[in-house]
Amino acid sequence: MEFKDYYKVLGVERTASEDEIKKAFRKLARKHHPDVSKASDAPARMQDLNEAYDVLRDPQKRAAYDQVGQGVQGGQGFRPPPGWDAGFEFSGAPQGGGEFSDHSDFFEALFGATRRGGSRQRGDAGLRARGQDHHAKIIIPLEDAFRGSTRTLTLHSPQLDASGHLAVRERQLSVNIPKGIRAGQQIRLAGQGDPGLGGEPAGDLYLEIEFEPHARYRVDGRDVYLTLPVAPWEAALGAAVPVQTPDGKVEMDVPAGSQTGRKLRLKGRGIPGSTSGDFYVVLEVVLPPAADDKAKALYRQMAQELAFDPRQETEVVR
């Protein structure tokens, strides 16, 4: 996927104000609109302009775009890093770009998930309206889903200053993470969205949960997976081995004759819930290294005394 430099598309500096971005877009739109330009690439150019303007005129999307684009060069091979947009508050739906409002894969990869319902409120005199909801993604440790926690989170709320330049306001919130929450679920904080107009109540803030990448575990819904190294004799003869789960250490029986890839289940040991997930252990048989003469001698003895051909079932019969 190609990284798109929206500032280059509009021909403005990264420090450009709202007014400078608007003027640049209007100037280029008058030049490249297919109703005016006869160039064969006019529709594509207009689509790029609409997409760039859609992002850069929106303080929330612009701030998130600026962060993910730090140090990135143009060209193919771009992928947004996991959790790149965590901690940014978004509100409303993307502003449409008219008949040329289709967006690229790059835009969808970054902002597709921000297409929420609603629109920006306007400060018209006498208007009464409930405040608009906000949403943000937060990243928490997997262990919080097993025990629950209270965390102080810093959220970034981009906005335009008096001169129309982008500024990012930070606010801290104390958030209760309930036991049993899973990735993709949301925590609702009542009244933490936009203020209401004309005495109406404020909107809410929805925090979407994502788990930090874990060195040991992989999560699928409420199920948790662990790859567990075992010695050849444990796999061959069977053994009781200790297993570290996010909720503490347990002892698991490895059946005799196990092979790499065998999956064992600890029922109900996954993320808690009305129906708790399971904890799966995937075995990986690890060979001790033949690092000294004694170890080499043991391997030679095994080769001589064990009638074992690991490729027997793969041999081609001629």
C-alpha atoms as a PDB file:
ATOM      1  CA  MET A   1       0.000   0.000   0.000  1.00  0.00           C
ATOM      2  CA  GLU A   2       1.295   3.449  -0.901  1.00  0.00           C
ATOM      3  CA  PHE A   3       1.727   6.118   1.781  1.00  0.00           C
ATOM      4  CA  LYS A   4      -0.065   9.277   0.657  1.00  0.00           C
ATOM      5  CA  ASP A   5       1.465  12.663   1.484  1.00  0.00           C
ATOM      6  CA  TYR A   6      -1.662  14.766   1.785  1.00  0.00           C
ATOM      7  CA  TYR A   7       0.310  17.967   2.355  1.00  0.00           C
ATOM      8  CA  LYS A   8       2.130  17.416  -0.933  1.00  0.00           C
ATOM      9  CA  VAL A   9      -1.176  16.710  -2.698  1.00  0.00           C
ATOM     10  CA  LEU A  10      -2.508  20.131  -1.656  1.00  0.00           C
ATOM     11  CA  GLY A  11       0.861  21.858  -1.964  1.00  0.00           C
ATOM     12  CA  VAL A  12       0.896  23.218   1.598  1.00  0.00           C
ATOM     13  CA  GLU A  13       3.347  23.085   4.486  1.00  0.00           C
ATOM     14  CA  ARG A  14       2.746  20.760   7.426  1.00  0.00           C
ATOM     15  CA  THR A  15       2.234  23.882   9.570  1.00  0.00           C
ATOM     16  CA  ALA A  16      -0.498  25.243   7.268  1.00  0.00           C
ATOM     17  CA  SER A  17      -3.524  26.828   8.904  1.00  0.00           C
ATOM     18  CA  GLU A  18      -7.126  25.873   8.256  1.00  0.00           C
ATOM     19  CA  ASP A  19      -7.547  28.865   5.954  1.00  0.00           C
ATOM     20  CA  GLU A  20      -4.407  28.018   3.951  1.00  0.00           C
ATOM     21  CA  ILE A  21      -5.592  24.440   3.481  1.00  0.00           C
ATOM     22  CA  LYS A  22      -9.034  25.623   2.349  1.00  0.00           C
ATOM     23  CA  LYS A  23      -7.580  28.117  -0.135  1.00  0.00           C
ATOM     24  CA  ALA A  24      -5.171  25.532  -1.577  1.00  0.00           C
ATOM     25  CA  PHE A  25      -7.952  22.999  -2.036  1.00  0.00           C
ATOM     26  CA  ARG A  26     -10.284  25.471  -3.751  1.00  0.00           C
ATOM     27  CA  LYS A  27      -7.549  26.657  -6.107  1.00  0.00           C
ATOM     28  CA  LEU A  28      -6.598  23.117  -7.141  1.00  0.00           C
ATOM     29  CA  ALA A  29     -10.226  21.959  -7.347  1.00  0.00           C
ATOM     30  CA  ARG A  30     -11.026  24.759  -9.804  1.00  0.00           C
ATOM     31  CA  LYS A  31      -8.091  23.602 -11.932  1.00  0.00           C
ATOM     32  CA  HIS A  32      -8.583  19.821 -11.833  1.00  0.00           C
ATOM     33  CA  HIS A  33     -12.339  19.334 -11.568  1.00  0.00           C
ATOM     34  CA  PRO A  34     -13.451  17.097 -14.475  1.00  0.00           C
ATOM     35  CA  ASP A  35     -16.088  19.658 -15.431  1.00  0.00           C
ATOM     36  CA  VAL A  36     -13.259  22.092 -16.161  1.00  0.00           C
ATOM     37  CA  SER A  37     -10.166  20.047 -16.959  1.00  0.00           C
ATOM     38  CA  LYS A  38      -9.995  17.896 -20.069  1.00  0.00           C
ATOM     39  CA  ALA A  39      -6.998  15.925 -18.784  1.00  0.00           C
ATOM     40  CA  SER A  40      -7.508  12.162 -18.710  1.00  0.00           C
ATOM     41  CA  ASP A  41      -6.358  11.992 -15.082  1.00  0.00           C
ATOM     42  CA  ALA A  42      -8.661  14.762 -13.863  1.00  0.00           C
ATOM     43  CA  PRO A  43     -11.071  12.425 -11.998  1.00  0.00           C
ATOM     44  CA  ALA A  44      -8.165  10.717 -10.202  1.00  0.00           C
ATOM     45  CA  ARG A  45      -6.551  14.062  -9.329  1.00  0.00           C
ATOM     46  CA  MET A  46      -9.866  15.352  -7.995  1.00  0.00           C
ATOM     47  CA  GLN A  47     -10.298  12.225  -5.888  1.00  0.00           C
ATOM     48  CA  ASP A  48      -6.822  12.706  -4.385  1.00  0.00           C
ATOM     49  CA  LEU A  49      -7.622  16.344  -3.621  1.00  0.00           C
ATOM     50  CA  ASN A  50     -10.915  15.476  -1.942  1.00  0.00           C
ATOM     51  CA  GLU A  51      -9.230  12.791   0.142  1.00  0.00           C
ATOM     52  CA  ALA A  52      -6.383  15.075   1.243  1.00  0.00           C
ATOM     53  CA  TYR A  53      -8.825  17.855   2.106  1.00  0.00           C
ATOM     54  CA  ASP A  54     -11.067  15.431   3.994  1.00  0.00           C
ATOM     55  CA  VAL A  55      -8.160  14.615   6.316  1.00  0.00           C
ATOM     56  CA  LEU A  56      -6.326  17.922   6.650  1.00  0.00           C
ATOM     57  CA  ARG A  57      -9.391  20.089   7.337  1.00  0.00           C
ATOM     58  CA  ASP A  58     -10.465  17.778  10.184  1.00  0.00           C
ATOM     59  CA  PRO A  59      -8.300  18.452  13.276  1.00  0.00           C
ATOM     60  CA  GLN A  60      -8.866  14.941  14.645  1.00  0.00           C
ATOM     61  CA  LYS A  61      -7.944  13.065  11.510  1.00  0.00           C
ATOM     62  CA  ARG A  62      -5.111  15.474  10.746  1.00  0.00           C
ATOM     63  CA  ALA A  63      -3.450  14.993  14.144  1.00  0.00           C
ATOM     64  CA  ALA A  64      -3.699  11.206  13.859  1.00  0.00           C
ATOM     65  CA  TYR A  65      -2.354  11.326  10.289  1.00  0.00           C
ATOM     66  CA  ASP A  66       0.573  13.492  11.403  1.00  0.00           C
ATOM     67  CA  GLN A  67       1.493  10.964  14.062  1.00  0.00           C
ATOM     68  CA  VAL A  68       1.385   7.887  11.839  1.00  0.00           C
ATOM     69  CA  GLY A  69       3.303   9.730   9.116  1.00  0.00           C
ATOM     70  CA  GLN A  70       6.273  10.795  11.229  1.00  0.00           C
ATOM     71  CA  GLY A  71       9.443   9.705   9.463  1.00  0.00           C
ATOM     72  CA  VAL A  72       7.564   7.819   6.741  1.00  0.00           C
ATOM     73  CA  GLN A  73       8.737   8.220   3.166  1.00  0.00           C
ATOM     74  CA  GLY A  74       6.425   7.938   0.190  1.00  0.00           C
ATOM     75  CA  GLY A  75       6.173   4.742  -1.819  1.00  0.00           C
ATOM     76  CA  GLN A  76       4.845   1.238  -1.513  1.00  0.00           C
ATOM     77  CA  GLY A  77       5.076  -1.081   1.471  1.00  0.00           C
ATOM     78  CA  PHE A  78       3.399   1.144   4.058  1.00  0.00           C
ATOM     79  CA  ARG A  79       1.319  -0.475   6.787  1.00  0.00           C
ATOM     80  CA  PRO A  80      -0.009   1.481   9.768  1.00  0.00           C
ATOM     81  CA  PRO A  81       1.546   0.080  12.949  1.00  0.00           C
ATOM     82  CA  PRO A  82      -0.763  -1.656  15.454  1.00  0.00           C
ATOM     83  CA  GLY A  83      -2.471   0.796  17.776  1.00  0.00           C
ATOM     84  CA  TRP A  84      -1.247   3.825  15.799  1.00  0.00           C
ATOM     85  CA  ASP A  85      -4.461   5.741  16.561  1.00  0.00           C
ATOM     86  CA  ALA A  86      -4.740   4.806  20.235  1.00  0.00           C
ATOM     87  CA  GLY A  87      -5.511   7.737  22.508  1.00  0.00           C
ATOM     88  CA  PHE A  88      -6.927  10.044  19.813  1.00  0.00           C
ATOM     89  CA  GLU A  89     -10.487  11.257  20.231  1.00  0.00           C
ATOM     90  CA  PHE A  90     -12.675  11.222  17.135  1.00  0.00           C
ATOM     91  CA  SER A  91     -16.177  12.583  16.688  1.00  0.00           C
ATOM     92  CA  GLY A  92     -18.730  12.615  13.903  1.00  0.00           C
ATOM     93  CA  ALA A  93     -18.483  11.089  10.466  1.00  0.00           C
ATOM     94  CA  PRO A  94     -15.962  12.006   7.733  1.00  0.00           C
ATOM     95  CA  GLN A  95     -17.101  15.001   5.732  1.00  0.00           C
ATOM     96  CA  GLY A  96     -18.194  13.898   2.285  1.00  0.00           C
ATOM     97  CA  GLY A  97     -16.290  14.974  -0.811  1.00  0.00           C
ATOM     98  CA  GLY A  98     -19.278  15.179  -3.143  1.00  0.00           C
ATOM     99  CA  GLU A  99     -19.476  12.974  -6.190  1.00  0.00           C
ATOM    100  CA  PHE A 100     -15.743  12.228  -5.937  1.00  0.00           C
ATOM    101  CA  SER A 101     -15.836  11.104  -2.299  1.00  0.00           C
ATOM    102  CA  ASP A 102     -14.449   7.592  -2.845  1.00  0.00           C
ATOM    103  CA  HIS A 103     -11.285   7.059  -0.860  1.00  0.00           C
ATOM    104  CA  SER A 104      -8.126   5.045  -1.363  1.00  0.00           C
ATOM    105  CA  ASP A 105      -7.102   1.886   0.485  1.00  0.00           C
ATOM    106  CA  PHE A 106      -4.647   4.068   2.404  1.00  0.00           C
ATOM    107  CA  PHE A 107      -7.447   6.284   3.724  1.00  0.00           C
ATOM    108  CA  GLU A 108      -9.628   3.288   4.592  1.00  0.00           C
ATOM    109  CA  ALA A 109      -6.742   1.614   6.457  1.00  0.00           C
ATOM    110  CA  LEU A 110      -6.360   4.680   8.649  1.00  0.00           C
ATOM    111  CA  PHE A 111      -9.841   6.113   9.010  1.00  0.00           C
ATOM    112  CA  GLY A 112     -12.335   3.493   7.923  1.00  0.00           C
ATOM    113  CA  ALA A 113     -13.111   2.641  11.538  1.00  0.00           C
ATOM    114  CA  THR A 114     -13.847   6.312  12.350  1.00  0.00           C
ATOM    115  CA  ARG A 115     -16.906   6.438  10.095  1.00  0.00           C
ATOM    116  CA  ARG A 116     -19.361   6.838  12.932  1.00  0.00           C
ATOM    117  CA  GLY A 117     -22.808   8.336  12.635  1.00  0.00           C
ATOM    118  CA  GLY A 118     -23.477  11.967  13.425  1.00  0.00           C
ATOM    119  CA  SER A 119     -22.195  15.306  12.255  1.00  0.00           C
ATOM    120  CA  ARG A 120     -20.428  18.268  13.764  1.00  0.00           C
ATOM    121  CA  GLN A 121     -22.573  20.664  15.741  1.00  0.00           C
ATOM    122  CA  ARG A 122     -22.705  24.313  14.849  1.00  0.00           C
ATOM    123  CA  GLY A 123     -22.937  27.076  17.370  1.00  0.00           C
ATOM    124  CA  ASP A 124     -26.045  28.721  15.942  1.00  0.00           C
ATOM    125  CA  ALA A 125     -27.851  31.002  18.354  1.00  0.00           C
ATOM    126  CA  GLY A 126     -30.827  29.377  20.009  1.00  0.00           C
ATOM    127  CA  LEU A 127     -29.907  25.862  18.883  1.00  0.00           C
ATOM    128  CA  ARG A 128     -30.689  23.125  21.375  1.00  0.00           C
ATOM    129  CA  ALA A 129     -28.938  19.828  20.807  1.00  0.00           C
ATOM    130  CA  ARG A 130     -27.398  17.027  22.816  1.00  0.00           C
ATOM    131  CA  GLY A 131     -23.624  17.065  22.702  1.00  0.00           C
ATOM    132  CA  GLN A 132     -21.938  14.884  20.120  1.00  0.00           C
ATOM    133  CA  ASP A 133     -20.431  11.571  21.198  1.00  0.00           C
ATOM    134  CA  HIS A 134     -16.685  10.970  20.991  1.00  0.00           C
ATOM    135  CA  HIS A 135     -14.814   7.726  20.580  1.00  0.00           C
ATOM    136  CA  ALA A 136     -11.211   6.679  21.116  1.00  0.00           C
ATOM    137  CA  LYS A 137      -9.201   3.496  21.102  1.00  0.00           C
ATOM    138  CA  ILE A 138      -7.231   2.543  24.207  1.00  0.00           C
ATOM    139  CA  ILE A 139      -4.650  -0.212  24.602  1.00  0.00           C
ATOM    140  CA  ILE A 140      -4.548  -2.147  27.864  1.00  0.00           C
ATOM    141  CA  PRO A 141      -2.621  -5.172  29.175  1.00  0.00           C
ATOM    142  CA  LEU A 142      -4.343  -8.521  28.708  1.00  0.00           C
ATOM    143  CA  GLU A 143      -4.100  -9.084  32.453  1.00  0.00           C
ATOM    144  CA  ASP A 144      -6.628  -6.276  33.026  1.00  0.00           C
ATOM    145  CA  ALA A 145      -9.289  -8.431  31.364  1.00  0.00           C
ATOM    146  CA  PHE A 146      -8.654 -11.179  33.917  1.00  0.00           C
ATOM    147  CA  ARG A 147      -8.591  -9.047  37.053  1.00  0.00           C
ATOM    148  CA  GLY A 148     -10.090  -5.660  36.208  1.00  0.00           C
ATOM    149  CA  SER A 149      -8.239  -2.442  37.017  1.00  0.00           C
ATOM    150  CA  THR A 150      -8.434   1.311  37.317  1.00  0.00           C
ATOM    151  CA  ARG A 151      -6.174   3.195  34.912  1.00  0.00           C
ATOM    152  CA  THR A 152      -5.374   6.851  34.347  1.00  0.00           C
ATOM    153  CA  LEU A 153      -5.479   7.430  30.595  1.00  0.00           C
ATOM    154  CA  THR A 154      -4.234  10.390  28.591  1.00  0.00           C
ATOM    155  CA  LEU A 155      -6.372  11.214  25.561  1.00  0.00           C
ATOM    156  CA  HIS A 156      -5.385  13.589  22.774  1.00  0.00           C
ATOM    157  CA  SER A 157      -8.124  15.926  21.577  1.00  0.00           C
ATOM    158  CA  PRO A 158      -7.004  17.797  18.431  1.00  0.00           C
ATOM    159  CA  GLN A 159      -8.558  21.199  17.736  1.00  0.00           C
ATOM    160  CA  LEU A 160      -7.837  24.431  15.888  1.00  0.00           C
ATOM    161  CA  ASP A 161      -6.486  27.449  17.763  1.00  0.00           C
ATOM    162  CA  ALA A 162      -7.632  31.026  17.213  1.00  0.00           C
ATOM    163  CA  SER A 163      -5.381  31.379  14.139  1.00  0.00           C
ATOM    164  CA  GLY A 164      -6.651  28.173  12.565  1.00  0.00           C
ATOM    165  CA  HIS A 165      -3.535  26.110  13.292  1.00  0.00           C
ATOM    166  CA  LEU A 166      -3.668  22.588  14.652  1.00  0.00           C
ATOM    167  CA  ALA A 167      -3.262  22.181  18.402  1.00  0.00           C
ATOM    168  CA  VAL A 168      -3.633  19.065  20.512  1.00  0.00           C
ATOM    169  CA  ARG A 169      -5.203  19.298  23.948  1.00  0.00           C
ATOM    170  CA  GLU A 170      -4.527  16.500  26.392  1.00  0.00           C
ATOM    171  CA  ARG A 171      -6.860  15.384  29.123  1.00  0.00           C
ATOM    172  CA  GLN A 172      -6.532  12.668  31.707  1.00  0.00           C
ATOM    173  CA  LEU A 173      -9.336  10.373  32.763  1.00  0.00           C
ATOM    174  CA  SER A 174      -9.533   7.742  35.474  1.00  0.00           C
ATOM    175  CA  VAL A 175     -11.192   4.732  33.873  1.00  0.00           C
ATOM    176  CA  ASN A 176     -12.433   1.530  35.489  1.00  0.00           C
ATOM    177  CA  ILE A 177     -11.540  -1.466  33.304  1.00  0.00           C
ATOM    178  CA  PRO A 178     -14.115  -4.161  34.115  1.00  0.00           C
ATOM    179  CA  LYS A 179     -13.041  -7.750  34.602  1.00  0.00           C
ATOM    180  CA  GLY A 180     -13.938  -9.848  31.581  1.00  0.00           C
ATOM    181  CA  ILE A 181     -13.728  -7.141  28.935  1.00  0.00           C
ATOM    182  CA  ARG A 182     -12.479  -8.330  25.544  1.00  0.00           C
ATOM    183  CA  ALA A 183     -10.909  -6.682  22.536  1.00  0.00           C
ATOM    184  CA  GLY A 184     -13.392  -4.712  20.457  1.00  0.00           C
ATOM    185  CA  GLN A 185     -15.766  -3.996  23.327  1.00  0.00           C
ATOM    186  CA  GLN A 186     -16.412  -0.418  24.403  1.00  0.00           C
ATOM    187  CA  ILE A 187     -16.506   1.378  27.733  1.00  0.00           C
ATOM    188  CA  ARG A 188     -19.014   4.239  27.863  1.00  0.00           C
ATOM    189  CA  LEU A 189     -18.152   7.342  29.878  1.00  0.00           C
ATOM    190  CA  ALA A 190     -21.339   9.362  30.193  1.00  0.00           C
ATOM    191  CA  GLY A 191     -21.039  13.103  29.624  1.00  0.00           C
ATOM    192  CA  GLN A 192     -17.420  13.028  28.424  1.00  0.00           C
ATOM    193  CA  GLY A 193     -18.198  13.928  24.798  1.00  0.00           C
ATOM    194  CA  ASP A 194     -18.963  17.378  23.393  1.00  0.00           C
ATOM    195  CA  PRO A 195     -20.942  19.811  25.580  1.00  0.00           C
ATOM    196  CA  GLY A 196     -24.620  20.137  24.763  1.00  0.00           C
ATOM    197  CA  LEU A 197     -26.098  23.290  23.288  1.00  0.00           C
ATOM    198  CA  GLY A 198     -28.912  25.301  24.829  1.00  0.00           C
ATOM    199  CA  GLY A 199     -28.807  23.442  28.120  1.00  0.00           C
ATOM    200  CA  GLU A 200     -28.983  19.968  26.576  1.00  0.00           C
ATOM    201  CA  PRO A 201     -26.800  17.174  28.059  1.00  0.00           C
ATOM    202  CA  ALA A 202     -23.254  16.493  26.923  1.00  0.00           C
ATOM    203  CA  GLY A 203     -22.432  13.606  24.632  1.00  0.00           C
ATOM    204  CA  ASP A 204     -20.702  10.429  25.777  1.00  0.00           C
ATOM    205  CA  LEU A 205     -17.190   9.094  25.242  1.00  0.00           C
ATOM    206  CA  TYR A 206     -16.815   5.511  24.005  1.00  0.00           C
ATOM    207  CA  LEU A 207     -13.463   3.815  24.618  1.00  0.00           C
ATOM    208  CA  GLU A 208     -12.760   0.870  22.337  1.00  0.00           C
ATOM    209  CA  ILE A 209     -10.552  -1.790  23.916  1.00  0.00           C
ATOM    210  CA  GLU A 210      -7.454  -3.243  22.300  1.00  0.00           C
ATOM    211  CA  PHE A 211      -4.891  -5.453  24.042  1.00  0.00           C
ATOM    212  CA  GLU A 212      -1.180  -4.775  24.092  1.00  0.00           C
ATOM    213  CA  PRO A 213       0.842  -7.298  22.072  1.00  0.00           C
ATOM    214  CA  HIS A 214       1.936  -9.997  24.512  1.00  0.00           C
ATOM    215  CA  ALA A 215       5.202 -11.903  24.508  1.00  0.00           C
ATOM    216  CA  ARG A 216       3.493 -15.173  25.533  1.00  0.00           C
ATOM    217  CA  TYR A 217      -0.182 -15.117  24.661  1.00  0.00           C
ATOM    218  CA  ARG A 218      -2.384 -14.773  21.598  1.00  0.00           C
ATOM    219  CA  VAL A 219      -6.046 -13.807  22.026  1.00  0.00           C
ATOM    220  CA  ASP A 220      -9.006 -14.895  19.917  1.00  0.00           C
ATOM    221  CA  GLY A 221     -12.255 -13.516  21.322  1.00  0.00           C
ATOM    222  CA  ARG A 222     -12.316 -14.817  24.887  1.00  0.00           C
ATOM    223  CA  ASP A 223      -9.921 -17.689  24.169  1.00  0.00           C
ATOM    224  CA  VAL A 224      -6.226 -17.344  24.955  1.00  0.00           C
ATOM    225  CA  TYR A 225      -3.407 -19.361  23.342  1.00  0.00           C
ATOM    226  CA  LEU A 226       0.072 -20.173  24.615  1.00  0.00           C
ATOM    227  CA  THR A 227       2.860 -22.039  22.816  1.00  0.00           C
ATOM    228  CA  LEU A 228       4.514 -24.240  25.448  1.00  0.00           C
ATOM    229  CA  PRO A 229       7.993 -25.738  24.952  1.00  0.00           C
ATOM    230  CA  VAL A 230       8.342 -29.332  26.217  1.00  0.00           C
ATOM    231  CA  ALA A 231      11.311 -31.692  26.310  1.00  0.00           C
ATOM    232  CA  PRO A 232      11.279 -34.813  24.100  1.00  0.00           C
ATOM    233  CA  TRP A 233      10.953 -37.119  27.105  1.00  0.00           C
ATOM    234  CA  GLU A 234       8.015 -35.092  28.459  1.00  0.00           C
ATOM    235  CA  ALA A 235       6.242 -35.414  25.126  1.00  0.00           C
ATOM    236  CA  ALA A 236       7.112 -39.086  24.668  1.00  0.00           C
ATOM    237  CA  LEU A 237       6.485 -40.355  28.207  1.00  0.00           C
ATOM    238  CA  GLY A 238       3.946 -37.844  29.438  1.00  0.00           C
ATOM    239  CA  ALA A 239       4.530 -35.374  32.255  1.00  0.00           C
ATOM    240  CA  ALA A 240       2.909 -32.867  34.578  1.00  0.00           C
ATOM    241  CA  VAL A 241       4.298 -29.457  33.616  1.00  0.00           C
ATOM    242  CA  PRO A 242       3.734 -25.968  35.052  1.00  0.00           C
ATOM    243  CA  VAL A 243       1.844 -23.541  32.797  1.00  0.00           C
ATOM    244  CA  GLN A 244       1.724 -19.798  33.413  1.00  0.00           C
ATOM    245  CA  THR A 245      -1.692 -18.337  32.548  1.00  0.00           C
ATOM    246  CA  PRO A 246      -2.618 -14.629  32.840  1.00  0.00           C
ATOM    247  CA  ASP A 247      -4.558 -15.595  35.966  1.00  0.00           C
ATOM    248  CA  GLY A 248      -1.802 -17.563  37.659  1.00  0.00           C
ATOM    249  CA  LYS A 249       0.216 -20.755  37.388  1.00  0.00           C
ATOM    250  CA  VAL A 250      -1.446 -24.143  36.935  1.00  0.00           C
ATOM    251  CA  GLU A 251      -0.181 -27.688  36.395  1.00  0.00           C
ATOM    252  CA  MET A 252      -1.113 -29.440  33.168  1.00  0.00           C
ATOM    253  CA  ASP A 253      -0.780 -33.086  32.158  1.00  0.00           C
ATOM    254  CA  VAL A 254       0.991 -33.614  28.854  1.00  0.00           C
ATOM    255  CA  PRO A 255      -0.257 -36.953  27.447  1.00  0.00           C
ATOM    256  CA  ALA A 256       2.337 -39.557  26.488  1.00  0.00           C
ATOM    257  CA  GLY A 257       3.074 -39.655  22.779  1.00  0.00           C
ATOM    258  CA  SER A 258       2.420 -35.945  22.201  1.00  0.00           C
ATOM    259  CA  GLN A 259       3.866 -34.199  19.187  1.00  0.00           C
ATOM    260  CA  THR A 260       4.595 -30.590  18.257  1.00  0.00           C
ATOM    261  CA  GLY A 261       1.345 -28.815  17.422  1.00  0.00           C
ATOM    262  CA  ARG A 262      -0.854 -30.823  19.784  1.00  0.00           C
ATOM    263  CA  LYS A 263      -3.426 -28.516  21.384  1.00  0.00           C
ATOM    264  CA  LEU A 264      -4.493 -28.995  25.000  1.00  0.00           C
ATOM    265  CA  ARG A 265      -7.400 -27.115  26.577  1.00  0.00           C
ATOM    266  CA  LEU A 266      -7.893 -25.675  30.025  1.00  0.00           C
ATOM    267  CA  LYS A 267     -11.653 -25.125  30.033  1.00  0.00           C
ATOM    268  CA  GLY A 268     -12.856 -21.794  31.396  1.00  0.00           C
ATOM    269  CA  ARG A 269      -9.336 -20.445  31.909  1.00  0.00           C
ATOM    270  CA  GLY A 270      -9.621 -17.832  29.176  1.00  0.00           C
ATOM    271  CA  ILE A 271     -11.030 -14.315  29.554  1.00  0.00           C
ATOM    272  CA  PRO A 272     -13.819 -14.379  32.178  1.00  0.00           C
ATOM    273  CA  GLY A 273     -17.415 -13.758  31.191  1.00  0.00           C
ATOM    274  CA  SER A 274     -20.929 -15.136  31.452  1.00  0.00           C
ATOM    275  CA  THR A 275     -19.405 -17.878  29.331  1.00  0.00           C
ATOM    276  CA  SER A 276     -15.681 -17.741  30.012  1.00  0.00           C
ATOM    277  CA  GLY A 277     -13.208 -18.443  27.262  1.00  0.00           C
ATOM    278  CA  ASP A 278     -10.770 -21.329  27.279  1.00  0.00           C
ATOM    279  CA  PHE A 279      -7.010 -21.389  27.603  1.00  0.00           C
ATOM    280  CA  TYR A 280      -5.260 -23.409  24.908  1.00  0.00           C
ATOM    281  CA  VAL A 281      -1.730 -24.761  25.179  1.00  0.00           C
ATOM    282  CA  VAL A 282      -0.021 -25.608  21.896  1.00  0.00           C
ATOM    283  CA  LEU A 283       2.914 -27.954  22.453  1.00  0.00           C
ATOM    284  CA  GLU A 284       6.298 -27.402  20.860  1.00  0.00           C
ATOM    285  CA  VAL A 285       8.817 -30.223  21.312  1.00  0.00           C
ATOM    286  CA  VAL A 286      12.263 -28.684  21.808  1.00  0.00           C
ATOM    287  CA  LEU A 287      15.404 -30.776  21.350  1.00  0.00           C
ATOM    288  CA  PRO A 288      18.332 -30.326  23.738  1.00  0.00           C
ATOM    289  CA  PRO A 289      21.452 -29.213  21.850  1.00  0.00           C
ATOM    290  CA  ALA A 290      24.260 -31.656  21.135  1.00  0.00           C
ATOM    291  CA  ALA A 291      26.668 -29.182  22.670  1.00  0.00           C
ATOM    292  CA  ASP A 292      29.180 -31.560  24.258  1.00  0.00           C
ATOM    293  CA  ASP A 293      30.541 -35.101  23.889  1.00  0.00           C
ATOM    294  CA  LYS A 294      28.102 -36.557  26.411  1.00  0.00           C
ATOM    295  CA  ALA A 295      25.083 -35.126  24.626  1.00  0.00           C
ATOM    296  CA  LYS A 296      26.386 -36.307  21.264  1.00  0.00           C
ATOM    297  CA  ALA A 297      26.929 -39.790  22.645  1.00  0.00           C
ATOM    298  CA  LEU A 298      23.339 -39.936  23.897  1.00  0.00           C
ATOM    299  CA  TYR A 299      22.037 -38.942  20.469  1.00  0.00           C
ATOM    300  CA  ARG A 300      24.191 -41.604  18.791  1.00  0.00           C
ATOM    301  CA  GLN A 301      22.877 -44.192  21.232  1.00  0.00           C
ATOM    302  CA  MET A 302      19.290 -43.194  20.449  1.00  0.00           C
ATOM    303  CA  ALA A 303      20.019 -43.435  16.723  1.00  0.00           C
ATOM    304  CA  GLN A 304      21.375 -46.941  17.140  1.00  0.00           C
ATOM    305  CA  GLU A 305      18.853 -48.383  19.570  1.00  0.00           C
ATOM    306  CA  LEU A 306      15.562 -46.747  18.525  1.00  0.00           C
ATOM    307  CA  ALA A 307      13.900 -48.087  15.393  1.00  0.00           C
ATOM    308  CA  PHE A 308      12.625 -44.685  14.349  1.00  0.00           C
ATOM    309  CA  ASP A 309      12.342 -43.186  10.872  1.00  0.00           C
ATOM    310  CA  PRO A 310      10.709 -39.731  10.964  1.00  0.00           C
ATOM    311  CA  ARG A 311      10.317 -39.757   7.155  1.00  0.00           C
ATOM    312  CA  GLN A 312       8.714 -43.179   6.839  1.00  0.00           C
ATOM    313  CA  GLU A 313       5.269 -41.852   5.952  1.00  0.00           C
ATOM    314  CA  THR A 314       6.680 -39.367   3.419  1.00  0.00           C
ATOM    315  CA  GLU A 315       8.724 -41.840   1.373  1.00  0.00           C
ATOM    316  CA  VAL A 316       7.677 -42.164  -2.257  1.00  0.00           C
ATOM    317  CA  VAL A 317       6.862 -45.720  -3.364  1.00  0.00           C
ATOM    318  CA  ARG A 318       8.335 -46.394  -6.807  1.00  0.00           C
END
